Amino acid sequence: MGQSHNTQTQPVTIDPEVMSGAPVFIGTRVPIQTLFDYLMDGCSLSEFLDNFPTVTHEAALKVLAYAAQRAANGKVAA
């Protein structure tokens, strides 16, 4: 994912001045880890989006699709 300023291609940015460099959804201060934490706690995507209205549905789906693709390709860190 990496740094990007184009929400059309990448919904995530990394900036050392935003949330100490944690990957966040572009245009927000919401770390992508928060999405995974919500889902692992049994919350729905809708609940996450309701609690973080600055994150778009499209951006959340792109992050999930990227993670699924990485997992399918065996590129998941242990």
C-alpha atoms as a PDB file:
ATOM      1  CA  MET A   1       0.000   0.000   0.000  1.00  0.00           C
ATOM      2  CA  GLY A   2       2.562   2.542   1.061  1.00  0.00           C
ATOM      3  CA  GLN A   3       2.442   6.252   0.637  1.00  0.00           C
ATOM      4  CA  SER A   4      -0.054   7.685  -1.760  1.00  0.00           C
ATOM      5  CA  HIS A   5      -2.090  10.788  -2.260  1.00  0.00           C
ATOM      6  CA  ASN A   6      -4.483   9.256  -4.781  1.00  0.00           C
ATOM      7  CA  THR A   7      -7.532   7.678  -3.157  1.00  0.00           C
ATOM      8  CA  GLN A   8      -8.408   6.158  -6.525  1.00  0.00           C
ATOM      9  CA  THR A   9      -5.542   3.674  -6.245  1.00  0.00           C
ATOM     10  CA  GLN A  10      -4.518   3.443  -2.601  1.00  0.00           C
ATOM     11  CA  PRO A  11      -6.746   4.207   0.380  1.00  0.00           C
ATOM     12  CA  VAL A  12      -3.849   4.287   2.853  1.00  0.00           C
ATOM     13  CA  THR A  13      -1.040   6.690   3.605  1.00  0.00           C
ATOM     14  CA  ILE A  14       1.956   6.628   5.921  1.00  0.00           C
ATOM     15  CA  ASP A  15       3.241   9.914   7.271  1.00  0.00           C
ATOM     16  CA  PRO A  16       5.601  10.156  10.251  1.00  0.00           C
ATOM     17  CA  GLU A  17       3.698  13.280  11.341  1.00  0.00           C
ATOM     18  CA  VAL A  18       0.313  11.533  11.416  1.00  0.00           C
ATOM     19  CA  MET A  19      -0.314   8.949  14.140  1.00  0.00           C
ATOM     20  CA  SER A  20       3.447   8.408  14.550  1.00  0.00           C
ATOM     21  CA  GLY A  21       3.721   6.921  11.068  1.00  0.00           C
ATOM     22  CA  ALA A  22       1.105   4.198  11.473  1.00  0.00           C
ATOM     23  CA  PRO A  23      -0.705   3.402   8.209  1.00  0.00           C
ATOM     24  CA  VAL A  24      -3.945   5.392   8.189  1.00  0.00           C
ATOM     25  CA  PHE A  25      -6.859   5.801   5.823  1.00  0.00           C
ATOM     26  CA  ILE A  26      -6.073   8.723   3.501  1.00  0.00           C
ATOM     27  CA  GLY A  27      -7.550  12.009   4.692  1.00  0.00           C
ATOM     28  CA  THR A  28      -8.083  10.698   8.229  1.00  0.00           C
ATOM     29  CA  ARG A  29      -6.208   9.910  11.406  1.00  0.00           C
ATOM     30  CA  VAL A  30      -7.817   6.450  11.567  1.00  0.00           C
ATOM     31  CA  PRO A  31      -5.209   3.660  11.580  1.00  0.00           C
ATOM     32  CA  ILE A  32      -6.036   0.720   9.328  1.00  0.00           C
ATOM     33  CA  GLN A  33      -5.297  -1.513  12.315  1.00  0.00           C
ATOM     34  CA  THR A  34      -8.460  -0.137  13.899  1.00  0.00           C
ATOM     35  CA  LEU A  35     -10.530  -1.699  11.098  1.00  0.00           C
ATOM     36  CA  PHE A  36      -8.954  -5.100  11.729  1.00  0.00           C
ATOM     37  CA  ASP A  37      -9.366  -4.714  15.502  1.00  0.00           C
ATOM     38  CA  TYR A  38     -13.080  -4.010  15.053  1.00  0.00           C
ATOM     39  CA  LEU A  39     -13.569  -6.998  12.789  1.00  0.00           C
ATOM     40  CA  MET A  40     -11.584  -9.315  15.070  1.00  0.00           C
ATOM     41  CA  ASP A  41     -13.767  -8.165  17.976  1.00  0.00           C
ATOM     42  CA  GLY A  42     -16.844  -9.334  16.062  1.00  0.00           C
ATOM     43  CA  CYS A  43     -18.053  -5.936  14.902  1.00  0.00           C
ATOM     44  CA  SER A  44     -19.447  -5.502  11.421  1.00  0.00           C
ATOM     45  CA  LEU A  45     -17.966  -3.275   8.746  1.00  0.00           C
ATOM     46  CA  SER A  46     -21.048  -1.071   9.123  1.00  0.00           C
ATOM     47  CA  GLU A  47     -20.335  -0.613  12.833  1.00  0.00           C
ATOM     48  CA  PHE A  48     -16.764   0.407  12.051  1.00  0.00           C
ATOM     49  CA  LEU A  49     -17.911   2.883   9.409  1.00  0.00           C
ATOM     50  CA  ASP A  50     -20.570   4.299  11.743  1.00  0.00           C
ATOM     51  CA  ASN A  51     -17.910   4.942  14.389  1.00  0.00           C
ATOM     52  CA  PHE A  52     -15.380   6.371  11.914  1.00  0.00           C
ATOM     53  CA  PRO A  53     -17.412   8.410   9.408  1.00  0.00           C
ATOM     54  CA  THR A  54     -14.273   9.894   7.827  1.00  0.00           C
ATOM     55  CA  VAL A  55     -13.442   6.450   6.404  1.00  0.00           C
ATOM     56  CA  THR A  56     -15.309   5.651   3.202  1.00  0.00           C
ATOM     57  CA  HIS A  57     -16.891   2.297   2.514  1.00  0.00           C
ATOM     58  CA  GLU A  58     -14.789   2.064  -0.646  1.00  0.00           C
ATOM     59  CA  ALA A  59     -11.534   2.688   1.263  1.00  0.00           C
ATOM     60  CA  ALA A  60     -12.362   0.034   3.862  1.00  0.00           C
ATOM     61  CA  LEU A  61     -13.188  -2.502   1.149  1.00  0.00           C
ATOM     62  CA  LYS A  62      -9.928  -1.737  -0.672  1.00  0.00           C
ATOM     63  CA  VAL A  63      -7.924  -2.350   2.500  1.00  0.00           C
ATOM     64  CA  LEU A  64      -9.744  -5.633   3.127  1.00  0.00           C
ATOM     65  CA  ALA A  65      -9.270  -6.729  -0.498  1.00  0.00           C
ATOM     66  CA  TYR A  66      -5.571  -5.904  -0.307  1.00  0.00           C
ATOM     67  CA  ALA A  67      -5.182  -7.896   2.924  1.00  0.00           C
ATOM     68  CA  ALA A  68      -7.076 -10.845   1.436  1.00  0.00           C
ATOM     69  CA  GLN A  69      -4.891 -10.773  -1.675  1.00  0.00           C
ATOM     70  CA  ARG A  70      -1.716 -10.698   0.437  1.00  0.00           C
ATOM     71  CA  ALA A  71      -2.979 -13.620   2.505  1.00  0.00           C
ATOM     72  CA  ALA A  72      -3.906 -15.619  -0.596  1.00  0.00           C
ATOM     73  CA  ASN A  73      -0.424 -15.041  -2.014  1.00  0.00           C
ATOM     74  CA  GLY A  74       1.238 -16.161   1.213  1.00  0.00           C
ATOM     75  CA  LYS A  75       2.664 -12.705   1.915  1.00  0.00           C
ATOM     76  CA  VAL A  76       1.445 -12.353   5.464  1.00  0.00           C
ATOM     77  CA  ALA A  77       3.986 -11.549   8.179  1.00  0.00           C
ATOM     78  CA  ALA A  78       4.026 -13.918  11.124  1.00  0.00           C
END
